[in-house]
Protein backbone atom coordinates (compact mmCIF):
# COMPACT_ATOMS: atom_id res chain seq x y z
CA MET A 1 103.98 104.35 131.23
CA THR A 2 100.54 104.75 132.71
CA GLU A 3 100.56 108.02 134.70
CA VAL A 4 102.09 111.44 134.15
CA LEU A 5 102.23 114.27 136.66
CA VAL A 6 101.26 117.60 135.09
CA VAL A 7 102.36 120.66 137.10
CA ILE A 8 100.48 123.72 135.89
CA ASP A 9 101.84 127.29 135.88
CA VAL A 10 103.79 127.47 139.15
CA GLN A 11 105.41 130.72 138.00
CA ASN A 12 106.55 133.87 139.76
CA ASP A 13 103.75 136.08 138.42
CA ILE A 14 101.10 133.60 139.54
CA CYS A 15 102.55 133.03 143.00
CA PRO A 16 102.27 135.57 145.86
CA GLY A 17 104.12 138.77 144.99
CA GLY A 18 103.41 138.37 141.28
CA SER A 19 101.17 140.46 139.05
CA LEU A 20 98.46 137.74 138.91
CA ALA A 21 99.09 136.26 142.34
CA VAL A 22 96.96 133.35 143.49
CA VAL A 23 96.51 133.48 147.26
CA GLY A 24 98.53 130.67 148.85
CA GLY A 25 100.05 129.70 145.53
CA ASP A 26 103.45 129.18 147.13
CA GLU A 27 102.02 126.91 149.84
CA ILE A 28 101.68 124.01 147.40
CA ILE A 29 105.28 123.91 146.22
CA ASP A 30 106.62 121.52 148.88
CA THR A 31 103.81 119.05 148.13
CA ILE A 32 104.43 119.34 144.39
CA ASN A 33 108.15 118.72 144.89
CA VAL A 34 107.38 115.48 146.73
CA LEU A 35 105.16 114.42 143.81
CA LEU A 36 107.88 115.38 141.33
CA GLU A 37 110.41 113.18 143.12
CA ALA A 38 108.04 110.21 142.98
CA ALA A 39 106.81 110.74 139.41
CA VAL A 40 107.92 108.43 136.61
CA ASN A 41 107.29 111.26 134.17
CA ALA A 42 106.49 114.90 134.88
CA VAL A 43 105.40 117.72 132.58
CA LEU A 44 105.45 121.38 133.59
CA SER A 45 103.27 123.95 131.84
CA GLN A 46 104.33 127.56 131.54
CA ASP A 47 102.31 130.63 130.56
CA TRP A 48 104.46 132.41 127.96
CA HIS A 49 102.70 135.53 126.69
CA PRO A 50 103.89 138.23 124.30
CA LEU A 51 103.46 141.75 125.67
CA ASP A 52 100.72 142.52 123.14
CA HIS A 53 98.64 139.56 124.26
CA ALA A 54 94.89 139.99 123.78
CA SER A 55 94.12 138.71 127.29
CA PHE A 56 95.95 141.62 128.95
CA ALA A 57 93.58 144.36 130.13
CA ASP A 58 96.24 146.96 129.31
CA ASN A 59 95.82 146.11 125.63
CA HIS A 60 92.10 147.06 125.66
CA THR A 61 91.22 150.75 125.94
CA GLY A 62 88.96 151.44 128.89
CA GLN A 63 89.07 147.89 130.27
CA THR A 64 90.25 146.79 133.70
CA PRO A 65 91.64 143.47 134.94
CA PHE A 66 89.01 140.78 135.56
CA SER A 67 86.48 142.41 133.24
CA GLU A 68 85.27 140.34 130.30
CA VAL A 69 85.29 140.95 126.56
CA GLU A 70 84.08 138.94 123.61
CA MET A 71 86.78 137.38 121.41
CA PRO A 72 86.34 135.40 118.17
CA TYR A 73 86.57 132.21 120.24
CA GLY A 74 84.12 133.35 122.95
CA PRO A 75 84.17 135.24 126.26
CA GLN A 76 87.60 136.23 127.54
CA THR A 77 88.50 137.36 131.05
CA LEU A 78 91.04 140.17 130.90
CA TRP A 79 94.06 139.76 133.15
CA PRO A 80 96.80 141.97 134.51
CA ASN A 81 99.96 141.66 132.42
CA HIS A 82 101.61 138.42 133.54
CA CYS A 83 104.15 135.80 132.49
CA ALA A 84 105.52 137.86 129.63
CA GLN A 85 107.99 135.90 127.55
CA GLY A 86 111.53 135.94 128.93
CA THR A 87 110.72 137.95 132.06
CA SER A 88 111.40 136.92 135.65
CA GLY A 89 107.63 136.82 136.17
CA ALA A 90 107.34 134.03 133.62
CA ALA A 91 110.05 131.94 135.30
CA PHE A 92 109.13 128.99 137.48
CA ASP A 93 109.14 129.76 141.20
CA LYS A 94 112.71 129.07 142.32
CA ARG A 95 111.48 126.72 145.05
CA LEU A 96 109.88 124.42 142.47
CA ASN A 97 112.10 121.51 141.46
CA SER A 98 111.66 122.35 137.78
CA LYS A 99 114.81 120.40 136.86
CA ARG A 100 112.78 117.26 137.51
CA ALA A 101 110.55 117.98 134.48
CA ASP A 102 110.73 115.58 131.55
CA ALA A 103 109.05 118.20 129.34
CA VAL A 104 107.91 121.83 129.51
CA ILE A 105 104.82 122.89 127.57
CA ARG A 106 104.56 126.62 126.89
CA LYS A 107 101.13 128.09 126.23
CA GLY A 108 99.50 131.40 125.43
CA MET A 109 102.14 132.41 122.89
CA ASN A 110 99.66 133.45 120.19
CA PRO A 111 98.95 137.16 120.82
CA ALA A 112 95.36 136.80 119.61
CA THR A 113 94.34 133.76 121.68
CA ASP A 114 94.60 132.95 125.36
CA SER A 115 95.37 129.43 126.56
CA TYR A 116 94.14 128.18 129.92
CA SER A 117 94.36 124.49 129.09
CA THR A 118 97.70 122.73 128.80
CA PHE A 119 96.20 120.89 125.79
CA PHE A 120 94.55 123.56 123.63
CA GLU A 121 94.45 127.29 123.25
CA ASN A 122 91.08 128.85 124.06
CA ASP A 123 89.92 128.40 120.47
CA HIS A 124 89.73 124.67 121.39
CA LYS A 125 91.51 123.83 118.12
CA THR A 126 95.15 124.91 118.40
CA LEU A 127 97.25 122.25 120.13
CA THR A 128 100.01 123.03 122.63
CA GLY A 129 101.91 119.79 121.99
CA LEU A 130 100.97 118.01 125.23
CA LEU A 131 98.42 115.69 123.63
CA GLY A 132 100.97 114.32 121.15
CA TYR A 133 103.59 113.95 123.90
CA LEU A 134 101.23 111.83 126.01
CA ARG A 135 99.89 109.70 123.17
CA GLU A 136 103.39 108.86 121.92
CA ARG A 137 104.08 107.47 125.40
CA ASN A 138 100.80 105.55 125.71
CA VAL A 139 99.83 107.47 128.83
CA GLN A 140 96.48 106.56 130.36
CA THR A 141 96.24 108.58 133.58
CA LEU A 142 97.11 112.15 134.51
CA LEU A 143 97.59 113.67 137.94
CA LEU A 144 97.12 117.45 137.75
CA VAL A 145 98.39 119.99 140.28
CA GLY A 146 99.18 123.70 140.22
CA LEU A 147 97.58 127.08 139.59
CA ALA A 148 94.82 127.83 139.45
CA THR A 149 92.19 125.18 140.15
CA ASP A 150 89.29 127.11 138.64
CA PHE A 151 91.06 128.13 135.43
CA CYS A 152 94.13 126.42 133.99
CA VAL A 153 93.90 123.25 136.09
CA ALA A 154 90.18 122.80 135.39
CA TYR A 155 90.42 123.54 131.67
CA SER A 156 93.31 121.08 131.40
CA ALA A 157 91.38 118.40 133.25
CA LEU A 158 88.27 118.78 131.10
CA ASP A 159 90.29 118.65 127.87
CA ALA A 160 92.16 115.60 129.14
CA VAL A 161 88.92 113.73 129.89
CA ALA A 162 87.50 114.71 126.50
CA ASN A 163 90.57 113.14 124.90
CA GLY A 164 90.23 109.84 126.70
CA PHE A 165 92.49 110.18 129.72
CA ASP A 166 91.68 109.21 133.29
CA VAL A 167 92.23 112.39 135.28
CA LYS A 168 92.89 113.12 138.93
CA ILE A 169 93.40 116.52 140.55
CA GLN A 170 95.24 116.55 143.88
CA MET A 171 93.39 119.38 145.58
CA ASP A 172 95.93 120.08 148.32
CA ALA A 173 98.50 120.76 145.59
CA CYS A 174 96.31 123.42 143.91
CA ARG A 175 95.02 126.87 144.79
CA VAL A 176 92.17 128.92 143.32
CA ILE A 177 91.47 132.39 141.95
CA ASP A 178 87.70 132.00 142.64
CA ASN A 179 86.74 135.03 140.58
CA ALA A 180 83.04 135.76 141.18
CA GLY A 181 82.43 132.34 142.71
CA SER A 182 84.01 130.43 139.83
CA LEU A 183 85.25 127.54 142.00
CA ASP A 184 81.90 125.94 142.93
CA ALA A 185 80.68 125.86 139.35
CA VAL A 186 83.99 124.42 138.14
CA LEU A 187 84.09 121.67 140.78
CA THR A 188 80.60 120.54 139.78
CA GLN A 189 81.63 120.52 136.12
CA LEU A 190 84.77 118.52 136.91
CA ARG A 191 82.88 115.91 138.94
CA ASN A 192 80.23 115.56 136.23
CA ALA A 193 82.97 114.97 133.66
CA GLY A 194 84.44 112.15 135.74
CA VAL A 195 87.51 113.93 137.09
CA GLN A 196 88.65 112.49 140.43
CA LEU A 197 89.20 115.20 143.03
CA ILE A 198 91.59 113.74 145.60
C-alpha cells in the first residue's frame, strides 16, 4: 500500500449549522465521497472532546471564542463547545460515506490538551494512533482532505511531512476557517515544508 486518504473532521458541529461551522464545509462532501470510493485505504479523523475540554471558551472565565490563552504546550485558540463525545454534533455528517473508512482516529480526548493534528495532540508528543497505523502498512503517501485547511488539515500535513510521508492536500475537498488571516501564512508554511497543494 502506497497511499492512504485521510478525511479530517467532517462532523456535524464543523459543518454549516454546527457550533464551530466552517463556511462551505458541506460543499466538499460529494468530492470526498468520490475519493472514498476510489481509495484503497481511507482513514477518518474525528474530534472527540469531553465537555470540560481546555480548548472550550466556556471553560475559561471571562474568555470568548476565538480568543487565545497560554497553555503548558503553548498558545491555544479557544473555541465554542464542539464535537463533545457522544453528541450528535460529534457525529460524521450523514452525507459522508463514513462506512467506507478502514479506520477512525479520534482526537482531542484529553481534557487538558487540544489536538488539531491527526497524528499528535498539541503537546507534539502524545500520539493519536495514526502514525502506527500507517507505518504498520508501509504507507508512503497521504492525500488529505477535510476541515479546516488552516488548522487540522495543515497541522496534520506538517506532522506527516516531519515523519517522512509524502503529503498532498486536495484543496477543492477542503474549506478554511481563516481566523485573522491564518490561511495565507499556513499555505506558505505548507509549501515550504514540501506539501503538494493540488
